[in-house]
Amino acid sequence: MTIPHISSGVVHETPDDLREVFLSDPEALARWEDITPLARNEWICWVESVKKPETRRKHVERAREDLKAGKRRPCCWPGCPHRERTGRP
Protein backbone atom coordinates (compact mmCIF):
# COMPACT_ATOMS: atom_id res chain seq x y z
CA MET A 1 0.00 0.00 0.00
CA THR A 2 1.39 3.40 -0.90
CA ILE A 3 0.90 6.30 1.47
CA PRO A 4 -0.44 9.36 -0.35
CA HIS A 5 1.60 12.54 -0.37
CA ILE A 6 0.34 15.02 2.22
CA SER A 7 1.43 18.60 1.63
CA SER A 8 3.01 20.76 4.32
CA GLY A 9 3.06 24.48 5.06
CA VAL A 10 5.67 27.06 4.12
CA VAL A 11 7.47 26.87 7.48
CA HIS A 12 6.01 23.84 9.25
CA GLU A 13 5.93 20.19 8.21
CA THR A 14 2.65 18.34 8.68
CA PRO A 15 2.89 16.56 12.07
CA ASP A 16 2.15 12.87 12.41
CA ASP A 17 -1.15 13.32 14.27
CA LEU A 18 -2.56 15.52 11.48
CA ARG A 19 -1.21 13.10 8.85
CA GLU A 20 -3.05 10.23 10.56
CA VAL A 21 -6.31 12.19 10.55
CA PHE A 22 -5.97 12.96 6.85
CA LEU A 23 -5.06 9.37 5.99
CA SER A 24 -8.20 8.18 7.77
CA ASP A 25 -10.50 10.82 6.25
CA PRO A 26 -10.29 11.29 2.46
CA GLU A 27 -12.64 14.29 2.51
CA ALA A 28 -10.49 16.12 5.05
CA LEU A 29 -7.37 15.25 3.02
CA ALA A 30 -8.94 16.64 -0.16
CA ARG A 31 -9.78 19.89 1.64
CA TRP A 32 -6.24 20.04 3.07
CA GLU A 33 -4.72 19.68 -0.37
CA ASP A 34 -7.06 22.36 -1.74
CA ILE A 35 -5.86 25.13 0.59
CA THR A 36 -2.70 27.16 0.04
CA PRO A 37 0.65 26.27 1.63
CA LEU A 38 0.34 29.42 3.75
CA ALA A 39 -3.09 28.32 5.01
CA ARG A 40 -1.75 24.82 5.75
CA ASN A 41 1.07 26.48 7.68
CA GLU A 42 -1.49 28.35 9.82
CA TRP A 43 -3.35 25.12 10.67
CA ILE A 44 -0.13 23.29 11.54
CA CYS A 45 1.14 26.09 13.75
CA TRP A 46 -2.28 26.38 15.42
CA VAL A 47 -2.19 22.65 16.26
CA GLU A 48 1.41 22.81 17.48
CA SER A 49 0.96 25.99 19.54
CA VAL A 50 -0.82 24.32 22.46
CA LYS A 51 0.92 22.84 25.49
CA LYS A 52 -1.38 20.09 26.75
CA PRO A 53 -1.77 16.81 24.80
CA GLU A 54 -5.54 16.80 25.31
CA THR A 55 -5.82 20.32 23.88
CA ARG A 56 -3.71 19.29 20.90
CA ARG A 57 -6.04 16.33 20.25
CA LYS A 58 -8.97 18.76 20.31
CA HIS A 59 -7.18 21.05 17.84
CA VAL A 60 -6.45 18.15 15.50
CA GLU A 61 -10.08 17.04 15.55
CA ARG A 62 -11.32 20.60 15.13
CA ALA A 63 -8.97 21.08 12.17
CA ARG A 64 -10.56 18.04 10.53
CA GLU A 65 -14.09 19.24 11.21
CA ASP A 66 -13.44 22.85 10.21
CA LEU A 67 -11.71 21.90 6.97
CA LYS A 68 -14.59 19.60 6.05
CA ALA A 69 -16.98 22.47 6.83
CA GLY A 70 -15.13 24.61 4.29
CA LYS A 71 -13.01 26.74 6.61
CA ARG A 72 -9.64 27.53 5.09
CA ARG A 73 -7.85 28.91 8.19
CA PRO A 74 -8.16 28.54 11.96
CA CYS A 75 -10.69 30.96 13.39
CA CYS A 76 -9.82 33.60 15.95
CA TRP A 77 -6.06 32.98 15.88
CA PRO A 78 -3.53 35.74 15.15
CA GLY A 79 -1.45 33.59 12.81
CA CYS A 80 1.88 31.83 12.71
CA PRO A 81 4.60 33.81 14.49
CA HIS A 82 7.30 31.67 12.83
CA ARG A 83 7.14 33.23 9.39
CA GLU A 84 7.93 36.60 7.91
CA ARG A 85 5.19 38.78 6.49
CA THR A 86 6.17 37.50 3.05
CA GLY A 87 5.21 33.95 4.05
CA ARG A 88 8.79 32.70 4.14
CA PRO A 89 10.73 31.57 7.23
C-alpha atoms as a PDB file:
ATOM      1  CA  MET A   1       0.000   0.000   0.000  1.00  0.00           C
ATOM      2  CA  THR A   2       1.391   3.403  -0.901  1.00  0.00           C
ATOM      3  CA  ILE A   3       0.900   6.298   1.468  1.00  0.00           C
ATOM      4  CA  PRO A   4      -0.443   9.357  -0.355  1.00  0.00           C
ATOM      5  CA  HIS A   5       1.597  12.539  -0.367  1.00  0.00           C
ATOM      6  CA  ILE A   6       0.342  15.021   2.217  1.00  0.00           C
ATOM      7  CA  SER A   7       1.427  18.598   1.632  1.00  0.00           C
ATOM      8  CA  SER A   8       3.007  20.760   4.321  1.00  0.00           C
ATOM      9  CA  GLY A   9       3.059  24.476   5.062  1.00  0.00           C
ATOM     10  CA  VAL A  10       5.671  27.060   4.123  1.00  0.00           C
ATOM     11  CA  VAL A  11       7.472  26.870   7.479  1.00  0.00           C
ATOM     12  CA  HIS A  12       6.009  23.835   9.252  1.00  0.00           C
ATOM     13  CA  GLU A  13       5.929  20.186   8.207  1.00  0.00           C
ATOM     14  CA  THR A  14       2.646  18.342   8.680  1.00  0.00           C
ATOM     15  CA  PRO A  15       2.886  16.564  12.065  1.00  0.00           C
ATOM     16  CA  ASP A  16       2.153  12.871  12.413  1.00  0.00           C
ATOM     17  CA  ASP A  17      -1.148  13.316  14.275  1.00  0.00           C
ATOM     18  CA  LEU A  18      -2.563  15.519  11.483  1.00  0.00           C
ATOM     19  CA  ARG A  19      -1.214  13.105   8.845  1.00  0.00           C
ATOM     20  CA  GLU A  20      -3.050  10.234  10.561  1.00  0.00           C
ATOM     21  CA  VAL A  21      -6.306  12.191  10.552  1.00  0.00           C
ATOM     22  CA  PHE A  22      -5.969  12.956   6.854  1.00  0.00           C
ATOM     23  CA  LEU A  23      -5.055   9.371   5.989  1.00  0.00           C
ATOM     24  CA  SER A  24      -8.204   8.178   7.770  1.00  0.00           C
ATOM     25  CA  ASP A  25     -10.495  10.821   6.247  1.00  0.00           C
ATOM     26  CA  PRO A  26     -10.286  11.287   2.456  1.00  0.00           C
ATOM     27  CA  GLU A  27     -12.642  14.289   2.509  1.00  0.00           C
ATOM     28  CA  ALA A  28     -10.487  16.122   5.048  1.00  0.00           C
ATOM     29  CA  LEU A  29      -7.369  15.250   3.017  1.00  0.00           C
ATOM     30  CA  ALA A  30      -8.943  16.635  -0.163  1.00  0.00           C
ATOM     31  CA  ARG A  31      -9.784  19.895   1.641  1.00  0.00           C
ATOM     32  CA  TRP A  32      -6.241  20.044   3.072  1.00  0.00           C
ATOM     33  CA  GLU A  33      -4.719  19.682  -0.375  1.00  0.00           C
ATOM     34  CA  ASP A  34      -7.063  22.357  -1.739  1.00  0.00           C
ATOM     35  CA  ILE A  35      -5.863  25.132   0.587  1.00  0.00           C
ATOM     36  CA  THR A  36      -2.697  27.160   0.044  1.00  0.00           C
ATOM     37  CA  PRO A  37       0.647  26.270   1.631  1.00  0.00           C
ATOM     38  CA  LEU A  38       0.344  29.420   3.747  1.00  0.00           C
ATOM     39  CA  ALA A  39      -3.089  28.321   5.006  1.00  0.00           C
ATOM     40  CA  ARG A  40      -1.749  24.818   5.749  1.00  0.00           C
ATOM     41  CA  ASN A  41       1.071  26.477   7.681  1.00  0.00           C
ATOM     42  CA  GLU A  42      -1.486  28.346   9.816  1.00  0.00           C
ATOM     43  CA  TRP A  43      -3.347  25.122  10.667  1.00  0.00           C
ATOM     44  CA  ILE A  44      -0.130  23.285  11.541  1.00  0.00           C
ATOM     45  CA  CYS A  45       1.138  26.094  13.752  1.00  0.00           C
ATOM     46  CA  TRP A  46      -2.278  26.380  15.421  1.00  0.00           C
ATOM     47  CA  VAL A  47      -2.190  22.652  16.262  1.00  0.00           C
ATOM     48  CA  GLU A  48       1.414  22.812  17.484  1.00  0.00           C
ATOM     49  CA  SER A  49       0.964  25.993  19.538  1.00  0.00           C
ATOM     50  CA  VAL A  50      -0.816  24.324  22.456  1.00  0.00           C
ATOM     51  CA  LYS A  51       0.925  22.844  25.494  1.00  0.00           C
ATOM     52  CA  LYS A  52      -1.376  20.085  26.746  1.00  0.00           C
ATOM     53  CA  PRO A  53      -1.767  16.815  24.802  1.00  0.00           C
ATOM     54  CA  GLU A  54      -5.543  16.799  25.315  1.00  0.00           C
ATOM     55  CA  THR A  55      -5.820  20.320  23.881  1.00  0.00           C
ATOM     56  CA  ARG A  56      -3.714  19.290  20.903  1.00  0.00           C
ATOM     57  CA  ARG A  57      -6.039  16.329  20.254  1.00  0.00           C
ATOM     58  CA  LYS A  58      -8.969  18.756  20.308  1.00  0.00           C
ATOM     59  CA  HIS A  59      -7.179  21.055  17.838  1.00  0.00           C
ATOM     60  CA  VAL A  60      -6.445  18.145  15.496  1.00  0.00           C
ATOM     61  CA  GLU A  61     -10.077  17.044  15.546  1.00  0.00           C
ATOM     62  CA  ARG A  62     -11.318  20.599  15.127  1.00  0.00           C
ATOM     63  CA  ALA A  63      -8.971  21.079  12.167  1.00  0.00           C
ATOM     64  CA  ARG A  64     -10.558  18.036  10.527  1.00  0.00           C
ATOM     65  CA  GLU A  65     -14.094  19.242  11.215  1.00  0.00           C
ATOM     66  CA  ASP A  66     -13.445  22.854  10.213  1.00  0.00           C
ATOM     67  CA  LEU A  67     -11.707  21.901   6.972  1.00  0.00           C
ATOM     68  CA  LYS A  68     -14.588  19.604   6.052  1.00  0.00           C
ATOM     69  CA  ALA A  69     -16.983  22.468   6.829  1.00  0.00           C
ATOM     70  CA  GLY A  70     -15.133  24.612   4.292  1.00  0.00           C
ATOM     71  CA  LYS A  71     -13.013  26.742   6.607  1.00  0.00           C
ATOM     72  CA  ARG A  72      -9.641  27.535   5.092  1.00  0.00           C
ATOM     73  CA  ARG A  73      -7.852  28.914   8.186  1.00  0.00           C
ATOM     74  CA  PRO A  74      -8.158  28.536  11.964  1.00  0.00           C
ATOM     75  CA  CYS A  75     -10.687  30.956  13.389  1.00  0.00           C
ATOM     76  CA  CYS A  76      -9.816  33.599  15.952  1.00  0.00           C
ATOM     77  CA  TRP A  77      -6.062  32.976  15.878  1.00  0.00           C
ATOM     78  CA  PRO A  78      -3.529  35.745  15.151  1.00  0.00           C
ATOM     79  CA  GLY A  79      -1.454  33.587  12.808  1.00  0.00           C
ATOM     80  CA  CYS A  80       1.882  31.834  12.714  1.00  0.00           C
ATOM     81  CA  PRO A  81       4.604  33.807  14.490  1.00  0.00           C
ATOM     82  CA  HIS A  82       7.300  31.666  12.829  1.00  0.00           C
ATOM     83  CA  ARG A  83       7.144  33.229   9.387  1.00  0.00           C
ATOM     84  CA  GLU A  84       7.928  36.605   7.914  1.00  0.00           C
ATOM     85  CA  ARG A  85       5.186  38.785   6.493  1.00  0.00           C
ATOM     86  CA  THR A  86       6.169  37.498   3.045  1.00  0.00           C
ATOM     87  CA  GLY A  87       5.206  33.948   4.050  1.00  0.00           C
ATOM     88  CA  ARG A  88       8.794  32.703   4.138  1.00  0.00           C
ATOM     89  CA  PRO A  89      10.729  31.569   7.227  1.00  0.00           C
END
